[in-house]
Amino acid sequence: MLCWKGACAMPVIEEPFFLEQAGRALFGRNWQTELADALYVSDRSVRRWKKQGSIPQMVRGGLRMLLRRRLIRIQELLDERH
């Protein structure tokens, strides 16, 4: 969190496509609502971040964690097939 003269704000990352690409990869067509549930935020927040083209750094970390978990699960399924 960044603070200056008593005002604090979460750092944001300007990545207009990362949020939507990650959301679609994780949840498909209804990604905004499902992503909001997974991140414990409102779907209005997700829509706002998409519109603004920036997301809080903490949210980016959460997205990366969700993507890693999905990737690990997919790898486990692929390994079971051998």
N, C-alpha and C. Protein backbone atom coordinates (compact mmCIF):
# COMPACT_ATOMS: atom_id res chain seq x y z
N MET A 1 0.84 -1.17 0.00
CA MET A 1 0.00 0.00 0.00
C MET A 1 0.89 1.24 0.00
N LEU A 2 0.53 2.20 -0.78
CA LEU A 2 1.26 3.45 -0.86
C LEU A 2 0.57 4.51 -0.04
N CYS A 3 1.34 5.23 0.76
CA CYS A 3 0.76 6.30 1.58
C CYS A 3 1.57 7.58 1.39
N TRP A 4 0.85 8.69 1.36
CA TRP A 4 1.48 10.00 1.24
C TRP A 4 0.58 11.02 1.89
N LYS A 5 1.12 11.74 2.84
CA LYS A 5 0.37 12.77 3.58
C LYS A 5 -0.94 12.22 4.17
N GLY A 6 -0.85 11.03 4.73
CA GLY A 6 -2.01 10.44 5.39
C GLY A 6 -3.01 9.75 4.48
N ALA A 7 -2.83 9.85 3.17
CA ALA A 7 -3.74 9.17 2.23
C ALA A 7 -3.05 7.93 1.70
N CYS A 8 -3.76 6.83 1.69
CA CYS A 8 -3.19 5.57 1.22
C CYS A 8 -3.98 5.02 0.03
N ALA A 9 -3.26 4.34 -0.83
CA ALA A 9 -3.89 3.71 -1.99
C ALA A 9 -3.12 2.46 -2.35
N MET A 10 -3.83 1.47 -2.88
CA MET A 10 -3.16 0.27 -3.34
C MET A 10 -2.49 0.56 -4.67
N PRO A 11 -1.27 0.05 -4.88
CA PRO A 11 -0.63 0.24 -6.18
C PRO A 11 -1.44 -0.47 -7.26
N VAL A 12 -1.50 0.12 -8.43
CA VAL A 12 -2.22 -0.50 -9.54
C VAL A 12 -1.26 -0.84 -10.66
N ILE A 13 -1.64 -1.80 -11.45
CA ILE A 13 -0.84 -2.24 -12.59
C ILE A 13 -1.66 -1.99 -13.84
N GLU A 14 -1.07 -1.31 -14.80
CA GLU A 14 -1.75 -1.01 -16.06
C GLU A 14 -1.59 -2.19 -17.01
N GLU A 15 -2.53 -3.07 -17.02
CA GLU A 15 -2.52 -4.22 -17.91
C GLU A 15 -3.95 -4.44 -18.39
N PRO A 16 -4.34 -3.74 -19.42
CA PRO A 16 -5.75 -3.79 -19.82
C PRO A 16 -6.24 -5.16 -20.25
N PHE A 17 -5.38 -6.02 -20.72
CA PHE A 17 -5.85 -7.31 -21.22
C PHE A 17 -5.64 -8.46 -20.24
N PHE A 18 -4.77 -8.29 -19.26
CA PHE A 18 -4.45 -9.38 -18.34
C PHE A 18 -5.69 -9.85 -17.58
N LEU A 19 -6.46 -8.92 -17.06
CA LEU A 19 -7.64 -9.28 -16.26
C LEU A 19 -8.61 -10.13 -17.07
N GLU A 20 -8.95 -9.66 -18.26
CA GLU A 20 -9.92 -10.41 -19.08
C GLU A 20 -9.35 -11.73 -19.56
N GLN A 21 -8.11 -11.75 -20.00
CA GLN A 21 -7.52 -13.00 -20.48
C GLN A 21 -7.44 -14.03 -19.37
N ALA A 22 -7.01 -13.60 -18.19
CA ALA A 22 -6.91 -14.52 -17.05
C ALA A 22 -8.31 -14.99 -16.65
N GLY A 23 -9.25 -14.06 -16.58
CA GLY A 23 -10.61 -14.43 -16.20
C GLY A 23 -11.24 -15.43 -17.15
N ARG A 24 -11.06 -15.20 -18.44
CA ARG A 24 -11.63 -16.13 -19.44
C ARG A 24 -10.93 -17.49 -19.39
N ALA A 25 -9.62 -17.50 -19.19
CA ALA A 25 -8.90 -18.77 -19.10
C ALA A 25 -9.35 -19.58 -17.89
N LEU A 26 -9.64 -18.88 -16.80
CA LEU A 26 -10.04 -19.57 -15.58
C LEU A 26 -11.51 -19.99 -15.57
N PHE A 27 -12.39 -19.12 -16.06
CA PHE A 27 -13.81 -19.33 -15.84
C PHE A 27 -14.68 -19.31 -17.10
N GLY A 28 -14.09 -19.03 -18.24
CA GLY A 28 -14.87 -19.06 -19.46
C GLY A 28 -15.78 -17.86 -19.62
N ARG A 29 -16.93 -18.13 -20.16
CA ARG A 29 -17.85 -17.08 -20.60
C ARG A 29 -18.32 -16.13 -19.49
N ASN A 30 -18.64 -16.64 -18.33
CA ASN A 30 -19.14 -15.82 -17.22
C ASN A 30 -18.02 -15.45 -16.25
N TRP A 31 -16.90 -15.09 -16.80
CA TRP A 31 -15.69 -14.93 -16.00
C TRP A 31 -15.78 -13.82 -14.97
N GLN A 32 -16.48 -12.73 -15.23
CA GLN A 32 -16.47 -11.60 -14.31
C GLN A 32 -17.09 -11.96 -12.96
N THR A 33 -18.23 -12.57 -12.97
CA THR A 33 -18.90 -12.95 -11.72
C THR A 33 -18.13 -14.03 -10.98
N GLU A 34 -17.68 -15.04 -11.71
CA GLU A 34 -16.96 -16.14 -11.08
C GLU A 34 -15.60 -15.69 -10.55
N LEU A 35 -14.93 -14.82 -11.28
CA LEU A 35 -13.66 -14.29 -10.81
C LEU A 35 -13.86 -13.44 -9.56
N ALA A 36 -14.90 -12.63 -9.55
CA ALA A 36 -15.20 -11.83 -8.36
C ALA A 36 -15.40 -12.73 -7.15
N ASP A 37 -16.14 -13.81 -7.32
CA ASP A 37 -16.36 -14.76 -6.21
C ASP A 37 -15.04 -15.36 -5.75
N ALA A 38 -14.19 -15.74 -6.69
CA ALA A 38 -12.91 -16.37 -6.34
C ALA A 38 -11.98 -15.40 -5.61
N LEU A 39 -12.08 -14.12 -5.94
CA LEU A 39 -11.22 -13.11 -5.32
C LEU A 39 -11.87 -12.44 -4.10
N TYR A 40 -13.10 -12.83 -3.79
CA TYR A 40 -13.85 -12.24 -2.67
C TYR A 40 -14.04 -10.73 -2.82
N VAL A 41 -14.39 -10.33 -4.04
CA VAL A 41 -14.71 -8.92 -4.32
C VAL A 41 -16.04 -8.89 -5.05
N SER A 42 -16.59 -7.70 -5.21
CA SER A 42 -17.86 -7.60 -5.94
C SER A 42 -17.61 -7.67 -7.44
N ASP A 43 -18.62 -8.15 -8.17
CA ASP A 43 -18.48 -8.18 -9.63
C ASP A 43 -18.41 -6.75 -10.18
N ARG A 44 -18.94 -5.79 -9.46
CA ARG A 44 -18.82 -4.38 -9.87
C ARG A 44 -17.35 -3.95 -9.88
N SER A 45 -16.58 -4.42 -8.90
CA SER A 45 -15.15 -4.10 -8.87
C SER A 45 -14.45 -4.66 -10.09
N VAL A 46 -14.76 -5.90 -10.43
CA VAL A 46 -14.13 -6.53 -11.60
C VAL A 46 -14.47 -5.75 -12.86
N ARG A 47 -15.72 -5.38 -13.01
CA ARG A 47 -16.13 -4.61 -14.19
C ARG A 47 -15.43 -3.24 -14.23
N ARG A 48 -15.28 -2.62 -13.07
CA ARG A 48 -14.60 -1.32 -13.01
C ARG A 48 -13.13 -1.47 -13.41
N TRP A 49 -12.46 -2.49 -12.90
CA TRP A 49 -11.05 -2.71 -13.26
C TRP A 49 -10.91 -2.95 -14.75
N LYS A 50 -11.83 -3.72 -15.31
CA LYS A 50 -11.78 -4.00 -16.75
C LYS A 50 -11.94 -2.71 -17.54
N LYS A 51 -12.90 -1.91 -17.14
CA LYS A 51 -13.16 -0.65 -17.84
C LYS A 51 -11.97 0.31 -17.73
N GLN A 52 -11.37 0.39 -16.55
CA GLN A 52 -10.25 1.30 -16.31
C GLN A 52 -8.96 0.81 -16.95
N GLY A 53 -8.87 -0.49 -17.18
CA GLY A 53 -7.66 -1.05 -17.76
C GLY A 53 -6.53 -1.17 -16.77
N SER A 54 -6.84 -1.13 -15.47
CA SER A 54 -5.82 -1.31 -14.45
C SER A 54 -6.42 -2.09 -13.29
N ILE A 55 -5.55 -2.84 -12.62
CA ILE A 55 -6.01 -3.64 -11.49
C ILE A 55 -5.06 -3.41 -10.32
N PRO A 56 -5.58 -3.52 -9.08
CA PRO A 56 -4.70 -3.41 -7.93
C PRO A 56 -3.64 -4.52 -7.96
N GLN A 57 -2.46 -4.20 -7.51
CA GLN A 57 -1.35 -5.16 -7.52
C GLN A 57 -1.73 -6.43 -6.75
N MET A 58 -2.43 -6.27 -5.64
CA MET A 58 -2.85 -7.40 -4.84
C MET A 58 -3.76 -8.33 -5.64
N VAL A 59 -4.62 -7.77 -6.47
CA VAL A 59 -5.52 -8.57 -7.29
C VAL A 59 -4.73 -9.33 -8.34
N ARG A 60 -3.73 -8.69 -8.92
CA ARG A 60 -2.88 -9.38 -9.89
C ARG A 60 -2.23 -10.60 -9.26
N GLY A 61 -1.78 -10.45 -8.03
CA GLY A 61 -1.19 -11.59 -7.31
C GLY A 61 -2.21 -12.70 -7.12
N GLY A 62 -3.44 -12.34 -6.79
CA GLY A 62 -4.49 -13.34 -6.64
C GLY A 62 -4.81 -14.05 -7.94
N LEU A 63 -4.81 -13.30 -9.04
CA LEU A 63 -5.04 -13.89 -10.36
C LEU A 63 -3.93 -14.88 -10.71
N ARG A 64 -2.71 -14.48 -10.45
CA ARG A 64 -1.58 -15.37 -10.75
C ARG A 64 -1.66 -16.65 -9.92
N MET A 65 -2.08 -16.54 -8.67
CA MET A 65 -2.23 -17.72 -7.82
C MET A 65 -3.31 -18.64 -8.37
N LEU A 66 -4.45 -18.08 -8.76
CA LEU A 66 -5.52 -18.89 -9.34
C LEU A 66 -5.07 -19.58 -10.62
N LEU A 67 -4.34 -18.86 -11.46
CA LEU A 67 -3.84 -19.46 -12.70
C LEU A 67 -2.86 -20.60 -12.41
N ARG A 68 -1.96 -20.39 -11.44
CA ARG A 68 -1.01 -21.45 -11.08
C ARG A 68 -1.74 -22.70 -10.58
N ARG A 69 -2.74 -22.50 -9.73
CA ARG A 69 -3.50 -23.64 -9.22
C ARG A 69 -4.18 -24.41 -10.35
N ARG A 70 -4.76 -23.68 -11.29
CA ARG A 70 -5.42 -24.33 -12.43
C ARG A 70 -4.40 -25.09 -13.27
N LEU A 71 -3.25 -24.47 -13.51
CA LEU A 71 -2.19 -25.11 -14.29
C LEU A 71 -1.70 -26.40 -13.61
N ILE A 72 -1.53 -26.34 -12.30
CA ILE A 72 -1.10 -27.53 -11.56
C ILE A 72 -2.14 -28.63 -11.68
N ARG A 73 -3.40 -28.27 -11.56
CA ARG A 73 -4.47 -29.28 -11.66
C ARG A 73 -4.52 -29.90 -13.05
N ILE A 74 -4.34 -29.09 -14.07
CA ILE A 74 -4.33 -29.60 -15.44
C ILE A 74 -3.14 -30.54 -15.63
N GLN A 75 -1.98 -30.15 -15.10
CA GLN A 75 -0.80 -31.00 -15.21
C GLN A 75 -1.01 -32.33 -14.50
N GLU A 76 -1.64 -32.30 -13.33
CA GLU A 76 -1.94 -33.53 -12.61
C GLU A 76 -2.84 -34.44 -13.44
N LEU A 77 -3.84 -33.87 -14.08
CA LEU A 77 -4.74 -34.67 -14.91
C LEU A 77 -4.00 -35.27 -16.09
N LEU A 78 -3.12 -34.49 -16.71
CA LEU A 78 -2.34 -35.01 -17.83
C LEU A 78 -1.41 -36.13 -17.39
N ASP A 79 -0.80 -35.98 -16.23
CA ASP A 79 0.11 -37.00 -15.72
C ASP A 79 -0.61 -38.31 -15.37
N GLU A 80 -1.87 -38.21 -14.95
CA GLU A 80 -2.65 -39.41 -14.62
C GLU A 80 -2.96 -40.24 -15.85
N ARG A 81 -2.96 -39.63 -17.01
CA ARG A 81 -3.30 -40.34 -18.24
C ARG A 81 -2.17 -41.21 -18.76
N HIS A 82 -0.95 -41.03 -18.27
CA HIS A 82 0.20 -41.80 -18.78
C HIS A 82 0.32 -43.13 -18.11
